[in-house]
Structure formats: structure tokens, C-alpha cells
Amino acid sequence: MQNDNSSPPLVLVVEDDDHIAQVLRFMLERQGYRVTHLADGRAASEHIATAGGVPDLILLDVMLPYVDGFELVRLVRDRAGWATVPILMLTAKNTERDTVRALDAGASDFVIKPFQPNELLARVRRHLRTGP
């Protein structure tokens, strides 16, 4: 998407659970992606507001300390240059209401925790494709 193909895609991971964050980093880096991890909504909102580079994809937990994932989606969609970044939301809440709320907020996709690693990676690949 935003990448100039001179470096691997950058995935911004916003996840407050240390174990899940480590698993995501391991999975993504093993596939050759660069990863920036933020552990709470406040750090993520500051990063979204001030980051110089635009990530190629955002993996975003719904339930976060300080600022929730729904509000972070709105911040991403409102930031110049970030509006088209794919956002894949992760949540332990498995209700239609939450899925609809995430998609209505501007998320590109929605994955229920616990997730299957291969399915998550397939969704990441799908959203990072630039060709037809």
C-alpha cells in the first residue's frame, strides 16, 4: 500500500497483552514484515498523531487501556495520509454488535481471539497486496 517496495511492509501492532504481542511480533517478523508495537491506546494515539512514516497495515486490539480500538480507528481514518491504511481489528469479544461496530468505525477486517496464526497471516497478506 504505502510502501515503496525498497523495504518490507511495516505493520503497526497495538496490543496490551504482552504474550499476544510477542506472538504477533514473532509471526510477522518470521514472514519478513517490520513490526512496531505499542502497548496501550494512549501510546497508539500519540503515535498516530506524530509518526513520520505511515504503516502498511495496522493490527489493532479493541479493548485497550486509556483509548479503545474504536477511537483509534477514527484517529487513523482522520489523519492525512493514513485514511487508506488497512486496519485489522483483534478482539476477544465475539458478538455481531462488536463486529458491526468495528467495521462501521472504519476497520478493514475483524479477527476473533484466540486467532488461528495461519488465518491471521492470510488476512494480513490479503490486505497488503497492491496488485489485483
C-alpha atoms as a PDB file:
ATOM      1  CA  MET A   1       0.000   0.000   0.000  1.00  0.00           C
ATOM      2  CA  GLN A   2       2.147   2.870   1.300  1.00  0.00           C
ATOM      3  CA  ASN A   3       5.435   1.015   0.880  1.00  0.00           C
ATOM      4  CA  ASP A   4       7.869   1.942  -1.869  1.00  0.00           C
ATOM      5  CA  ASN A   5       8.989  -1.727  -2.155  1.00  0.00           C
ATOM      6  CA  SER A   6      12.546  -0.881  -1.021  1.00  0.00           C
ATOM      7  CA  SER A   7      11.841  -2.297   2.436  1.00  0.00           C
ATOM      8  CA  PRO A   8       9.486  -4.913   3.886  1.00  0.00           C
ATOM      9  CA  PRO A   9       5.975  -3.796   4.821  1.00  0.00           C
ATOM     10  CA  LEU A  10       5.615  -2.121   8.215  1.00  0.00           C
ATOM     11  CA  VAL A  11       2.882  -3.475  10.495  1.00  0.00           C
ATOM     12  CA  LEU A  12       1.804  -1.375  13.468  1.00  0.00           C
ATOM     13  CA  VAL A  13       0.641  -3.695  16.264  1.00  0.00           C
ATOM     14  CA  VAL A  14      -1.421  -2.176  19.074  1.00  0.00           C
ATOM     15  CA  GLU A  15      -1.921  -4.866  21.715  1.00  0.00           C
ATOM     16  CA  ASP A  16      -1.839  -4.594  25.518  1.00  0.00           C
ATOM     17  CA  ASP A  17      -1.407  -8.315  26.251  1.00  0.00           C
ATOM     18  CA  ASP A  18       2.359  -8.959  26.314  1.00  0.00           C
ATOM     19  CA  HIS A  19       2.051 -12.617  25.331  1.00  0.00           C
ATOM     20  CA  ILE A  20      -0.199 -11.931  22.343  1.00  0.00           C
ATOM     21  CA  ALA A  21       2.038  -9.024  21.288  1.00  0.00           C
ATOM     22  CA  GLN A  22       5.110 -11.294  21.386  1.00  0.00           C
ATOM     23  CA  VAL A  23       3.306 -13.974  19.359  1.00  0.00           C
ATOM     24  CA  LEU A  24       2.200 -11.397  16.762  1.00  0.00           C
ATOM     25  CA  ARG A  25       5.711  -9.908  16.512  1.00  0.00           C
ATOM     26  CA  PHE A  26       7.246 -13.369  16.098  1.00  0.00           C
ATOM     27  CA  MET A  27       4.722 -14.425  13.445  1.00  0.00           C
ATOM     28  CA  LEU A  28       5.029 -11.205  11.456  1.00  0.00           C
ATOM     29  CA  GLU A  29       8.817 -10.875  11.635  1.00  0.00           C
ATOM     30  CA  ARG A  30       9.181 -14.518  10.625  1.00  0.00           C
ATOM     31  CA  GLN A  31       7.229 -13.637   7.471  1.00  0.00           C
ATOM     32  CA  GLY A  32       9.620 -10.744   6.781  1.00  0.00           C
ATOM     33  CA  TYR A  33       7.459  -7.850   7.989  1.00  0.00           C
ATOM     34  CA  ARG A  34       8.797  -4.973  10.076  1.00  0.00           C
ATOM     35  CA  VAL A  35       6.837  -4.505  13.308  1.00  0.00           C
ATOM     36  CA  THR A  36       6.225  -1.515  15.555  1.00  0.00           C
ATOM     37  CA  HIS A  37       4.450  -2.462  18.784  1.00  0.00           C
ATOM     38  CA  LEU A  38       2.507  -0.127  21.073  1.00  0.00           C
ATOM     39  CA  ALA A  39       1.029  -1.466  24.315  1.00  0.00           C
ATOM     40  CA  ASP A  40      -1.879   0.883  25.033  1.00  0.00           C
ATOM     41  CA  GLY A  41      -4.340   3.286  23.462  1.00  0.00           C
ATOM     42  CA  ARG A  42      -2.633   6.433  24.717  1.00  0.00           C
ATOM     43  CA  ALA A  43       0.740   5.465  23.182  1.00  0.00           C
ATOM     44  CA  ALA A  44      -1.045   4.491  19.966  1.00  0.00           C
ATOM     45  CA  SER A  45      -2.984   7.763  19.725  1.00  0.00           C
ATOM     46  CA  GLU A  46       0.258   9.737  20.233  1.00  0.00           C
ATOM     47  CA  HIS A  47       1.996   7.628  17.580  1.00  0.00           C
ATOM     48  CA  ILE A  48      -0.857   8.094  15.111  1.00  0.00           C
ATOM     49  CA  ALA A  49      -0.751  11.857  15.649  1.00  0.00           C
ATOM     50  CA  THR A  50       3.026  12.283  15.378  1.00  0.00           C
ATOM     51  CA  ALA A  51       4.585   9.412  13.402  1.00  0.00           C
ATOM     52  CA  GLY A  52       6.592  10.459  10.389  1.00  0.00           C
ATOM     53  CA  GLY A  53       6.027   7.257   8.407  1.00  0.00           C
ATOM     54  CA  VAL A  54       2.759   5.600   7.536  1.00  0.00           C
ATOM     55  CA  PRO A  55       2.390   1.884   8.354  1.00  0.00           C
ATOM     56  CA  ASP A  56       1.336  -0.511   5.612  1.00  0.00           C
ATOM     57  CA  LEU A  57      -1.151  -2.252   7.914  1.00  0.00           C
ATOM     58  CA  ILE A  58      -2.402  -1.874  11.496  1.00  0.00           C
ATOM     59  CA  LEU A  59      -3.267  -4.801  13.779  1.00  0.00           C
ATOM     60  CA  LEU A  60      -5.411  -3.249  16.465  1.00  0.00           C
ATOM     61  CA  ASP A  61      -6.841  -4.702  19.670  1.00  0.00           C
ATOM     62  CA  VAL A  62     -10.336  -3.470  20.539  1.00  0.00           C
ATOM     63  CA  MET A  63     -10.038  -3.416  24.327  1.00  0.00           C
ATOM     64  CA  LEU A  64      -7.065  -1.249  25.294  1.00  0.00           C
ATOM     65  CA  PRO A  65      -6.143   0.864  28.307  1.00  0.00           C
ATOM     66  CA  TYR A  66      -6.834   4.633  28.035  1.00  0.00           C
ATOM     67  CA  VAL A  67      -8.165   4.780  24.441  1.00  0.00           C
ATOM     68  CA  ASP A  68     -10.110   1.880  22.889  1.00  0.00           C
ATOM     69  CA  GLY A  69      -9.615   0.445  19.434  1.00  0.00           C
ATOM     70  CA  PHE A  70     -12.775   2.040  18.019  1.00  0.00           C
ATOM     71  CA  GLU A  71     -11.498   5.525  18.844  1.00  0.00           C
ATOM     72  CA  LEU A  72      -8.074   4.661  17.402  1.00  0.00           C
ATOM     73  CA  VAL A  73      -9.729   3.643  14.120  1.00  0.00           C
ATOM     74  CA  ARG A  74     -11.348   7.081  13.975  1.00  0.00           C
ATOM     75  CA  LEU A  75      -7.981   8.758  14.641  1.00  0.00           C
ATOM     76  CA  VAL A  76      -6.320   6.748  11.862  1.00  0.00           C
ATOM     77  CA  ARG A  77      -9.093   7.493   9.383  1.00  0.00           C
ATOM     78  CA  ASP A  78      -8.918  11.225  10.203  1.00  0.00           C
ATOM     79  CA  ARG A  79      -5.113  11.548   9.854  1.00  0.00           C
ATOM     80  CA  ALA A  80      -3.900  12.785   6.485  1.00  0.00           C
ATOM     81  CA  GLY A  81      -2.122  10.039   4.585  1.00  0.00           C
ATOM     82  CA  TRP A  82      -3.415   7.292   6.879  1.00  0.00           C
ATOM     83  CA  ALA A  83      -7.037   7.072   5.700  1.00  0.00           C
ATOM     84  CA  THR A  84      -6.452   4.085   3.398  1.00  0.00           C
ATOM     85  CA  VAL A  85      -4.198   2.051   5.711  1.00  0.00           C
ATOM     86  CA  PRO A  86      -5.818  -1.370   6.220  1.00  0.00           C
ATOM     87  CA  ILE A  87      -6.861  -1.934   9.838  1.00  0.00           C
ATOM     88  CA  LEU A  88      -7.325  -5.479  11.064  1.00  0.00           C
ATOM     89  CA  MET A  89      -9.012  -5.450  14.469  1.00  0.00           C
ATOM     90  CA  LEU A  90      -8.437  -8.183  17.044  1.00  0.00           C
ATOM     91  CA  THR A  91     -10.889  -8.850  19.832  1.00  0.00           C
ATOM     92  CA  ALA A  92     -11.866 -11.437  22.389  1.00  0.00           C
ATOM     93  CA  LYS A  93     -15.470 -10.248  22.113  1.00  0.00           C
ATOM     94  CA  ASN A  94     -17.353 -12.446  19.690  1.00  0.00           C
ATOM     95  CA  THR A  95     -20.624 -10.644  19.138  1.00  0.00           C
ATOM     96  CA  GLU A  96     -22.255  -9.381  15.970  1.00  0.00           C
ATOM     97  CA  ARG A  97     -22.608  -5.966  17.633  1.00  0.00           C
ATOM     98  CA  ASP A  98     -18.826  -5.660  18.091  1.00  0.00           C
ATOM     99  CA  THR A  99     -18.116  -6.819  14.555  1.00  0.00           C
ATOM    100  CA  VAL A 100     -20.563  -4.300  13.115  1.00  0.00           C
ATOM    101  CA  ARG A 101     -19.213  -1.534  15.368  1.00  0.00           C
ATOM    102  CA  ALA A 102     -15.622  -2.241  14.255  1.00  0.00           C
ATOM    103  CA  LEU A 103     -16.500  -2.299  10.558  1.00  0.00           C
ATOM    104  CA  ASP A 104     -18.680   0.808  10.871  1.00  0.00           C
ATOM    105  CA  ALA A 105     -15.821   2.618  12.630  1.00  0.00           C
ATOM    106  CA  GLY A 106     -13.661   2.025   9.560  1.00  0.00           C
ATOM    107  CA  ALA A 107     -11.883  -1.266  10.216  1.00  0.00           C
ATOM    108  CA  SER A 108     -10.967  -3.280   7.121  1.00  0.00           C
ATOM    109  CA  ASP A 109     -11.317  -6.658   8.820  1.00  0.00           C
ATOM    110  CA  PHE A 110     -12.084  -8.255  12.172  1.00  0.00           C
ATOM    111  CA  VAL A 111     -10.470 -11.326  13.791  1.00  0.00           C
ATOM    112  CA  ILE A 112     -11.663 -13.059  16.967  1.00  0.00           C
ATOM    113  CA  LYS A 113      -9.147 -14.064  19.653  1.00  0.00           C
ATOM    114  CA  PRO A 114      -7.883 -16.643  20.086  1.00  0.00           C
ATOM    115  CA  PHE A 115      -6.949 -16.433  16.419  1.00  0.00           C
ATOM    116  CA  GLN A 116      -5.507 -19.105  14.177  1.00  0.00           C
ATOM    117  CA  PRO A 117      -1.997 -17.947  13.141  1.00  0.00           C
ATOM    118  CA  ASN A 118      -2.257 -19.079   9.506  1.00  0.00           C
ATOM    119  CA  GLU A 119      -5.662 -17.416   9.076  1.00  0.00           C
ATOM    120  CA  LEU A 120      -4.380 -14.164  10.570  1.00  0.00           C
ATOM    121  CA  LEU A 121      -1.314 -14.202   8.292  1.00  0.00           C
ATOM    122  CA  ALA A 122      -3.529 -14.894   5.269  1.00  0.00           C
ATOM    123  CA  ARG A 123      -5.661 -11.858   6.153  1.00  0.00           C
ATOM    124  CA  VAL A 124      -2.529  -9.724   6.596  1.00  0.00           C
ATOM    125  CA  ARG A 125      -1.240 -10.839   3.171  1.00  0.00           C
ATOM    126  CA  ARG A 126      -4.605 -10.129   1.568  1.00  0.00           C
ATOM    127  CA  HIS A 127      -4.710  -6.577   2.897  1.00  0.00           C
ATOM    128  CA  LEU A 128      -1.085  -5.878   1.952  1.00  0.00           C
ATOM    129  CA  ARG A 129      -1.469  -6.906  -1.687  1.00  0.00           C
ATOM    130  CA  THR A 130      -1.111  -3.983  -4.042  1.00  0.00           C
ATOM    131  CA  GLY A 131      -1.910  -5.818  -7.252  1.00  0.00           C
ATOM    132  CA  PRO A 132      -5.282  -7.046  -8.496  1.00  0.00           C
END
